């Protein structure tokens, strides 16, 4: 099942890249493995997946210890400040930085462990109540503040678009995120790169690719429906 699912996702990624005049290598596929057992991750790994996304620190740590060390782990869920110390030297990219206080904690722990942590700034572009992410209005100033912290590299932006039946409804949010990145690039802020846009999930990743996504986060499309059980 997983191999077939990955092949189907790959076909759709390629199609979306072709339609938008992009190269396939410009889009990186993250297999969102939250709540999934190790056996399923191993199947995805055997199919060539090397980027895996988790949204809970404890689950990421358990899988980190059991899976091959060439995996690039992505923290895509809300990160509590008291959990930062456990993952700063283990994750490839933290997608969900949405406050200066969180960034300061990441910086502090990164200095302790003598690593530089790559992060994305999460923006709640759709302004959905109950969702994490800084606001569109505050995004640029937050990036400027975080850029001054030691041992952090701001690589780009991330958003979680609303759940919709028709992915076209999310196109404007993906466009907005890309435009915010362009605005930040024009400011030439030191230590800020804006090379990555993490946007698009199982229901809307083709639209996200057409609007410039460099990371797409696919869970259900690879592993099937989530099972909320212990790992």
C-alpha atoms as a PDB file:
ATOM      1  CA  UNK A   1       0.000   0.000   0.000  1.00  0.00           C
ATOM      2  CA  UNK A   2       2.658   2.499   1.041  1.00  0.00           C
ATOM      3  CA  UNK A   3       4.761   1.951  -2.081  1.00  0.00           C
ATOM      4  CA  UNK A   4       1.694   2.423  -4.275  1.00  0.00           C
ATOM      5  CA  UNK A   5       0.728   5.550  -2.359  1.00  0.00           C
ATOM      6  CA  UNK A   6       4.197   7.060  -2.670  1.00  0.00           C
ATOM      7  CA  UNK A   7       4.267   6.309  -6.390  1.00  0.00           C
ATOM      8  CA  UNK A   8       0.880   8.005  -6.799  1.00  0.00           C
ATOM      9  CA  UNK A   9       2.037  11.057  -4.825  1.00  0.00           C
ATOM     10  CA  UNK A  10       5.232  11.220  -6.886  1.00  0.00           C
ATOM     11  CA  UNK A  11       3.229  11.169 -10.112  1.00  0.00           C
ATOM     12  CA  UNK A  12       1.083  14.034  -8.885  1.00  0.00           C
ATOM     13  CA  UNK A  13       4.105  16.037  -7.716  1.00  0.00           C
ATOM     14  CA  UNK A  14       5.719  15.605 -11.114  1.00  0.00           C
ATOM     15  CA  UNK A  15       2.523  16.653 -12.860  1.00  0.00           C
ATOM     16  CA  UNK A  16       2.164  19.773 -10.685  1.00  0.00           C
ATOM     17  CA  UNK A  17       5.816  20.674 -11.299  1.00  0.00           C
ATOM     18  CA  UNK A  18       5.370  20.265 -15.036  1.00  0.00           C
ATOM     19  CA  UNK A  19       2.238  22.401 -15.065  1.00  0.00           C
ATOM     20  CA  UNK A  20       3.996  25.191 -13.183  1.00  0.00           C
ATOM     21  CA  UNK A  21       7.299  25.003 -15.057  1.00  0.00           C
ATOM     22  CA  UNK A  22       9.270  23.789 -12.053  1.00  0.00           C
ATOM     23  CA  UNK A  23      11.861  21.044 -11.695  1.00  0.00           C
ATOM     24  CA  UNK A  24      10.936  18.030  -9.586  1.00  0.00           C
ATOM     25  CA  UNK A  25      14.003  18.495  -7.388  1.00  0.00           C
ATOM     26  CA  UNK A  26      12.695  21.893  -6.277  1.00  0.00           C
ATOM     27  CA  UNK A  27       9.992  20.175  -4.209  1.00  0.00           C
ATOM     28  CA  UNK A  28      10.882  18.032  -1.202  1.00  0.00           C
ATOM     29  CA  UNK A  29       8.414  15.453   0.075  1.00  0.00           C
ATOM     30  CA  UNK A  30       8.053  15.072   3.843  1.00  0.00           C
ATOM     31  CA  UNK A  31       6.397  11.828   4.926  1.00  0.00           C
ATOM     32  CA  UNK A  32       4.306  12.918   7.909  1.00  0.00           C
ATOM     33  CA  UNK A  33       4.613   9.898  10.141  1.00  0.00           C
ATOM     34  CA  UNK A  34       2.938  11.147  13.318  1.00  0.00           C
ATOM     35  CA  UNK A  35       0.985   8.393  15.104  1.00  0.00           C
ATOM     36  CA  UNK A  36       2.311   5.787  12.656  1.00  0.00           C
ATOM     37  CA  UNK A  37       4.221   2.685  13.827  1.00  0.00           C
ATOM     38  CA  UNK A  38       7.889   2.128  13.038  1.00  0.00           C
ATOM     39  CA  UNK A  39       7.022  -0.636  10.568  1.00  0.00           C
ATOM     40  CA  UNK A  40       5.230   1.844   8.328  1.00  0.00           C
ATOM     41  CA  UNK A  41       8.115   4.289   8.492  1.00  0.00           C
ATOM     42  CA  UNK A  42      10.481   1.491   7.524  1.00  0.00           C
ATOM     43  CA  UNK A  43       8.337   0.739   4.476  1.00  0.00           C
ATOM     44  CA  UNK A  44       8.421   4.385   3.442  1.00  0.00           C
ATOM     45  CA  UNK A  45      12.175   4.468   4.023  1.00  0.00           C
ATOM     46  CA  UNK A  46      12.586   1.404   1.809  1.00  0.00           C
ATOM     47  CA  UNK A  47      10.738   3.326  -0.912  1.00  0.00           C
ATOM     48  CA  UNK A  48      13.292   6.115  -0.722  1.00  0.00           C
ATOM     49  CA  UNK A  49      11.750   8.540   1.784  1.00  0.00           C
ATOM     50  CA  UNK A  50      14.399  10.306   3.841  1.00  0.00           C
ATOM     51  CA  UNK A  51      12.413  13.289   5.178  1.00  0.00           C
ATOM     52  CA  UNK A  52       9.956  12.449   7.955  1.00  0.00           C
ATOM     53  CA  UNK A  53       7.716  14.854   9.879  1.00  0.00           C
ATOM     54  CA  UNK A  54       6.562  14.525  13.474  1.00  0.00           C
ATOM     55  CA  UNK A  55       4.463  16.832  15.639  1.00  0.00           C
ATOM     56  CA  UNK A  56       5.287  15.508  19.131  1.00  0.00           C
ATOM     57  CA  UNK A  57       8.752  15.583  20.659  1.00  0.00           C
ATOM     58  CA  UNK A  58       8.442  12.284  22.523  1.00  0.00           C
ATOM     59  CA  UNK A  59       7.311  10.435  19.421  1.00  0.00           C
ATOM     60  CA  UNK A  60      10.081  11.957  17.344  1.00  0.00           C
ATOM     61  CA  UNK A  61      12.692  10.895  19.900  1.00  0.00           C
ATOM     62  CA  UNK A  62      11.408   7.313  20.009  1.00  0.00           C
ATOM     63  CA  UNK A  63      11.519   7.021  16.233  1.00  0.00           C
ATOM     64  CA  UNK A  64      14.863   8.817  15.997  1.00  0.00           C
ATOM     65  CA  UNK A  65      16.446   6.076  18.085  1.00  0.00           C
ATOM     66  CA  UNK A  66      14.911   3.254  16.034  1.00  0.00           C
ATOM     67  CA  UNK A  67      15.279   4.531  12.488  1.00  0.00           C
ATOM     68  CA  UNK A  68      18.406   4.940  10.279  1.00  0.00           C
ATOM     69  CA  UNK A  69      20.567   7.952  10.988  1.00  0.00           C
ATOM     70  CA  UNK A  70      20.459   9.363   7.460  1.00  0.00           C
ATOM     71  CA  UNK A  71      16.851  10.459   7.977  1.00  0.00           C
ATOM     72  CA  UNK A  72      16.131  14.199   8.037  1.00  0.00           C
ATOM     73  CA  UNK A  73      13.646  14.744  10.861  1.00  0.00           C
ATOM     74  CA  UNK A  74      11.248  17.672  10.643  1.00  0.00           C
ATOM     75  CA  UNK A  75       9.419  19.072  13.673  1.00  0.00           C
ATOM     76  CA  UNK A  76       6.135  20.229  12.166  1.00  0.00           C
ATOM     77  CA  UNK A  77       3.895  20.459  15.233  1.00  0.00           C
ATOM     78  CA  UNK A  78       3.620  23.079  17.938  1.00  0.00           C
ATOM     79  CA  UNK A  79       6.823  23.025  19.986  1.00  0.00           C
ATOM     80  CA  UNK A  80       6.704  23.725  23.700  1.00  0.00           C
ATOM     81  CA  UNK A  81       9.673  25.631  25.061  1.00  0.00           C
ATOM     82  CA  UNK A  82      10.406  23.041  27.752  1.00  0.00           C
ATOM     83  CA  UNK A  83      10.829  20.342  25.073  1.00  0.00           C
ATOM     84  CA  UNK A  84      13.282  22.266  22.892  1.00  0.00           C
ATOM     85  CA  UNK A  85      16.404  20.910  24.589  1.00  0.00           C
ATOM     86  CA  UNK A  86      15.574  17.363  23.570  1.00  0.00           C
ATOM     87  CA  UNK A  87      15.560  17.923  19.824  1.00  0.00           C
ATOM     88  CA  UNK A  88      17.772  20.861  18.822  1.00  0.00           C
ATOM     89  CA  UNK A  89      20.655  18.539  17.917  1.00  0.00           C
ATOM     90  CA  UNK A  90      18.434  15.904  16.288  1.00  0.00           C
ATOM     91  CA  UNK A  91      16.092  17.708  13.900  1.00  0.00           C
ATOM     92  CA  UNK A  92      16.994  18.837  10.411  1.00  0.00           C
ATOM     93  CA  UNK A  93      14.409  21.626  10.401  1.00  0.00           C
ATOM     94  CA  UNK A  94      11.866  23.067  12.845  1.00  0.00           C
ATOM     95  CA  UNK A  95       8.884  24.269  10.816  1.00  0.00           C
ATOM     96  CA  UNK A  96       6.745  25.670  13.624  1.00  0.00           C
ATOM     97  CA  UNK A  97       8.509  28.649  15.199  1.00  0.00           C
ATOM     98  CA  UNK A  98       5.828  31.241  15.853  1.00  0.00           C
ATOM     99  CA  UNK A  99       7.132  33.428  18.675  1.00  0.00           C
ATOM    100  CA  UNK A 100      10.269  35.208  19.816  1.00  0.00           C
ATOM    101  CA  UNK A 101      10.169  33.366  23.155  1.00  0.00           C
ATOM    102  CA  UNK A 102      10.297  29.987  21.411  1.00  0.00           C
ATOM    103  CA  UNK A 103      13.110  31.150  19.134  1.00  0.00           C
ATOM    104  CA  UNK A 104      15.060  32.427  22.154  1.00  0.00           C
ATOM    105  CA  UNK A 105      14.773  29.024  23.804  1.00  0.00           C
ATOM    106  CA  UNK A 106      15.927  27.284  20.618  1.00  0.00           C
ATOM    107  CA  UNK A 107      18.868  29.679  20.416  1.00  0.00           C
ATOM    108  CA  UNK A 108      19.818  29.126  24.053  1.00  0.00           C
ATOM    109  CA  UNK A 109      19.804  25.343  23.724  1.00  0.00           C
ATOM    110  CA  UNK A 110      21.576  25.469  20.358  1.00  0.00           C
ATOM    111  CA  UNK A 111      24.393  27.508  21.906  1.00  0.00           C
ATOM    112  CA  UNK A 112      24.686  24.958  24.729  1.00  0.00           C
ATOM    113  CA  UNK A 113      24.939  22.064  22.284  1.00  0.00           C
ATOM    114  CA  UNK A 114      27.128  24.019  19.856  1.00  0.00           C
ATOM    115  CA  UNK A 115      24.822  23.508  16.875  1.00  0.00           C
ATOM    116  CA  UNK A 116      23.063  25.854  14.480  1.00  0.00           C
ATOM    117  CA  UNK A 117      19.359  25.102  14.192  1.00  0.00           C
ATOM    118  CA  UNK A 118      17.511  25.690  10.937  1.00  0.00           C
ATOM    119  CA  UNK A 119      13.976  26.980  11.422  1.00  0.00           C
ATOM    120  CA  UNK A 120      10.926  28.172   9.519  1.00  0.00           C
ATOM    121  CA  UNK A 121       8.591  30.868  10.793  1.00  0.00           C
ATOM    122  CA  UNK A 122       5.028  29.589  11.024  1.00  0.00           C
ATOM    123  CA  UNK A 123       2.406  32.093   9.885  1.00  0.00           C
ATOM    124  CA  UNK A 124      -1.325  31.644  10.371  1.00  0.00           C
ATOM    125  CA  UNK A 125      -2.044  33.180   6.981  1.00  0.00           C
ATOM    126  CA  UNK A 126      -5.740  32.262   7.013  1.00  0.00           C
ATOM    127  CA  UNK A 127      -6.108  33.728  10.537  1.00  0.00           C
ATOM    128  CA  UNK A 128      -7.936  30.623  11.730  1.00  0.00           C
ATOM    129  CA  UNK A 129      -8.932  30.680  15.377  1.00  0.00           C
ATOM    130  CA  UNK A 130      -7.307  27.981  17.452  1.00  0.00           C
ATOM    131  CA  UNK A 131      -4.354  27.512  15.100  1.00  0.00           C
ATOM    132  CA  UNK A 132      -0.771  28.333  15.981  1.00  0.00           C
ATOM    133  CA  UNK A 133       1.364  30.715  13.958  1.00  0.00           C
ATOM    134  CA  UNK A 134       2.249  34.379  14.053  1.00  0.00           C
ATOM    135  CA  UNK A 135       0.045  36.830  12.204  1.00  0.00           C
ATOM    136  CA  UNK A 136       0.707  38.211   8.741  1.00  0.00           C
ATOM    137  CA  UNK A 137       1.059  41.685  10.279  1.00  0.00           C
ATOM    138  CA  UNK A 138       3.716  40.593  12.753  1.00  0.00           C
ATOM    139  CA  UNK A 139       5.636  38.182  10.522  1.00  0.00           C
ATOM    140  CA  UNK A 140       8.309  40.518   9.186  1.00  0.00           C
ATOM    141  CA  UNK A 141       9.134  42.076  12.550  1.00  0.00           C
ATOM    142  CA  UNK A 142       9.302  38.610  14.135  1.00  0.00           C
ATOM    143  CA  UNK A 143      11.758  37.466  11.475  1.00  0.00           C
ATOM    144  CA  UNK A 144      13.885  40.573  12.102  1.00  0.00           C
ATOM    145  CA  UNK A 145      13.973  39.904  15.854  1.00  0.00           C
ATOM    146  CA  UNK A 146      14.778  36.216  15.479  1.00  0.00           C
ATOM    147  CA  UNK A 147      17.515  36.911  12.934  1.00  0.00           C
ATOM    148  CA  UNK A 148      19.598  38.535  15.683  1.00  0.00           C
ATOM    149  CA  UNK A 149      19.693  35.403  17.840  1.00  0.00           C
ATOM    150  CA  UNK A 150      22.833  33.251  17.817  1.00  0.00           C
ATOM    151  CA  UNK A 151      22.881  29.692  16.442  1.00  0.00           C
ATOM    152  CA  UNK A 152      19.616  30.014  14.519  1.00  0.00           C
ATOM    153  CA  UNK A 153      19.216  30.144  10.742  1.00  0.00           C
ATOM    154  CA  UNK A 154      15.859  31.309   9.387  1.00  0.00           C
ATOM    155  CA  UNK A 155      15.380  29.271   6.211  1.00  0.00           C
ATOM    156  CA  UNK A 156      11.879  30.338   5.210  1.00  0.00           C
ATOM    157  CA  UNK A 157       8.202  30.217   6.108  1.00  0.00           C
ATOM    158  CA  UNK A 158       5.536  27.644   6.892  1.00  0.00           C
ATOM    159  CA  UNK A 159       1.748  27.694   6.977  1.00  0.00           C
ATOM    160  CA  UNK A 160      -1.068  25.238   7.617  1.00  0.00           C
ATOM    161  CA  UNK A 161      -3.899  26.113   5.275  1.00  0.00           C
ATOM    162  CA  UNK A 162      -7.545  25.444   6.186  1.00  0.00           C
ATOM    163  CA  UNK A 163      -9.094  22.058   5.534  1.00  0.00           C
ATOM    164  CA  UNK A 164     -11.109  22.431   2.358  1.00  0.00           C
ATOM    165  CA  UNK A 165     -12.828  20.107  -0.110  1.00  0.00           C
ATOM    166  CA  UNK A 166     -11.594  22.136  -3.080  1.00  0.00           C
ATOM    167  CA  UNK A 167      -7.856  22.840  -2.903  1.00  0.00           C
ATOM    168  CA  UNK A 168      -8.271  25.920  -5.095  1.00  0.00           C
ATOM    169  CA  UNK A 169      -9.770  27.664  -2.065  1.00  0.00           C
ATOM    170  CA  UNK A 170      -6.320  27.593  -0.450  1.00  0.00           C
ATOM    171  CA  UNK A 171      -4.444  29.035  -3.407  1.00  0.00           C
ATOM    172  CA  UNK A 172      -4.697  32.590  -2.072  1.00  0.00           C
ATOM    173  CA  UNK A 173      -3.102  31.543   1.239  1.00  0.00           C
ATOM    174  CA  UNK A 174      -0.192  29.892  -0.540  1.00  0.00           C
ATOM    175  CA  UNK A 175       0.193  32.974  -2.716  1.00  0.00           C
ATOM    176  CA  UNK A 176       0.176  35.179   0.376  1.00  0.00           C
ATOM    177  CA  UNK A 177       2.893  33.127   2.065  1.00  0.00           C
ATOM    178  CA  UNK A 178       5.077  33.351  -1.025  1.00  0.00           C
ATOM    179  CA  UNK A 179       4.556  37.115  -1.172  1.00  0.00           C
ATOM    180  CA  UNK A 180       5.532  37.531   2.474  1.00  0.00           C
ATOM    181  CA  UNK A 181       8.737  35.630   1.712  1.00  0.00           C
ATOM    182  CA  UNK A 182       9.426  37.970  -1.220  1.00  0.00           C
ATOM    183  CA  UNK A 183       8.846  41.011   1.000  1.00  0.00           C
ATOM    184  CA  UNK A 184      11.315  39.639   3.560  1.00  0.00           C
ATOM    185  CA  UNK A 185      13.901  38.889   0.873  1.00  0.00           C
ATOM    186  CA  UNK A 186      13.748  42.522  -0.242  1.00  0.00           C
ATOM    187  CA  UNK A 187      14.693  43.630   3.266  1.00  0.00           C
ATOM    188  CA  UNK A 188      18.074  41.851   3.027  1.00  0.00           C
ATOM    189  CA  UNK A 189      18.041  40.752   6.662  1.00  0.00           C
ATOM    190  CA  UNK A 190      21.273  39.111   7.850  1.00  0.00           C
ATOM    191  CA  UNK A 191      20.985  35.396   8.679  1.00  0.00           C
ATOM    192  CA  UNK A 192      17.621  35.113   6.868  1.00  0.00           C
ATOM    193  CA  UNK A 193      17.473  33.058   3.688  1.00  0.00           C
ATOM    194  CA  UNK A 194      13.813  32.575   2.670  1.00  0.00           C
ATOM    195  CA  UNK A 195      14.659  29.619   0.450  1.00  0.00           C
ATOM    196  CA  UNK A 196      11.976  27.326   1.831  1.00  0.00           C
ATOM    197  CA  UNK A 197       8.185  27.467   1.777  1.00  0.00           C
ATOM    198  CA  UNK A 198       6.602  24.628   3.737  1.00  0.00           C
ATOM    199  CA  UNK A 199       3.000  24.514   2.597  1.00  0.00           C
ATOM    200  CA  UNK A 200       0.581  21.982   1.198  1.00  0.00           C
ATOM    201  CA  UNK A 201      -0.672  18.712   2.643  1.00  0.00           C
ATOM    202  CA  UNK A 202      -2.482  15.668   1.285  1.00  0.00           C
ATOM    203  CA  UNK A 203      -5.566  17.589   0.192  1.00  0.00           C
ATOM    204  CA  UNK A 204      -3.918  20.566  -1.476  1.00  0.00           C
ATOM    205  CA  UNK A 205      -0.248  19.919  -2.195  1.00  0.00           C
ATOM    206  CA  UNK A 206      -0.556  20.216  -5.964  1.00  0.00           C
ATOM    207  CA  UNK A 207      -1.937  23.741  -5.618  1.00  0.00           C
ATOM    208  CA  UNK A 208       0.831  24.541  -3.111  1.00  0.00           C
ATOM    209  CA  UNK A 209       3.481  23.336  -5.567  1.00  0.00           C
ATOM    210  CA  UNK A 210       2.055  25.587  -8.267  1.00  0.00           C
ATOM    211  CA  UNK A 211       2.383  28.511  -5.848  1.00  0.00           C
ATOM    212  CA  UNK A 212       5.994  27.817  -4.927  1.00  0.00           C
ATOM    213  CA  UNK A 213       6.073  25.209  -2.145  1.00  0.00           C
ATOM    214  CA  UNK A 214       9.527  23.724  -1.587  1.00  0.00           C
ATOM    215  CA  UNK A 215       8.357  21.355   1.176  1.00  0.00           C
ATOM    216  CA  UNK A 216       5.047  19.508   1.078  1.00  0.00           C
ATOM    217  CA  UNK A 217       3.875  17.564   4.126  1.00  0.00           C
ATOM    218  CA  UNK A 218       2.053  14.350   3.207  1.00  0.00           C
ATOM    219  CA  UNK A 219       0.640  12.031   5.859  1.00  0.00           C
ATOM    220  CA  UNK A 220      -2.658  10.467   4.845  1.00  0.00           C
ATOM    221  CA  UNK A 221      -1.617  10.349   1.184  1.00  0.00           C
ATOM    222  CA  UNK A 222       1.286   8.042   2.116  1.00  0.00           C
ATOM    223  CA  UNK A 223       0.296   6.207   5.283  1.00  0.00           C
ATOM    224  CA  UNK A 224      -3.489   6.277   5.159  1.00  0.00           C
ATOM    225  CA  UNK A 225      -5.786   7.672   7.820  1.00  0.00           C
ATOM    226  CA  UNK A 226      -4.236   8.512  11.176  1.00  0.00           C
ATOM    227  CA  UNK A 227      -4.482   6.155  14.125  1.00  0.00           C
ATOM    228  CA  UNK A 228      -4.286   7.953  17.432  1.00  0.00           C
ATOM    229  CA  UNK A 229      -2.626   5.230  19.438  1.00  0.00           C
ATOM    230  CA  UNK A 230       0.691   4.975  21.215  1.00  0.00           C
ATOM    231  CA  UNK A 231       3.751   4.176  19.158  1.00  0.00           C
END
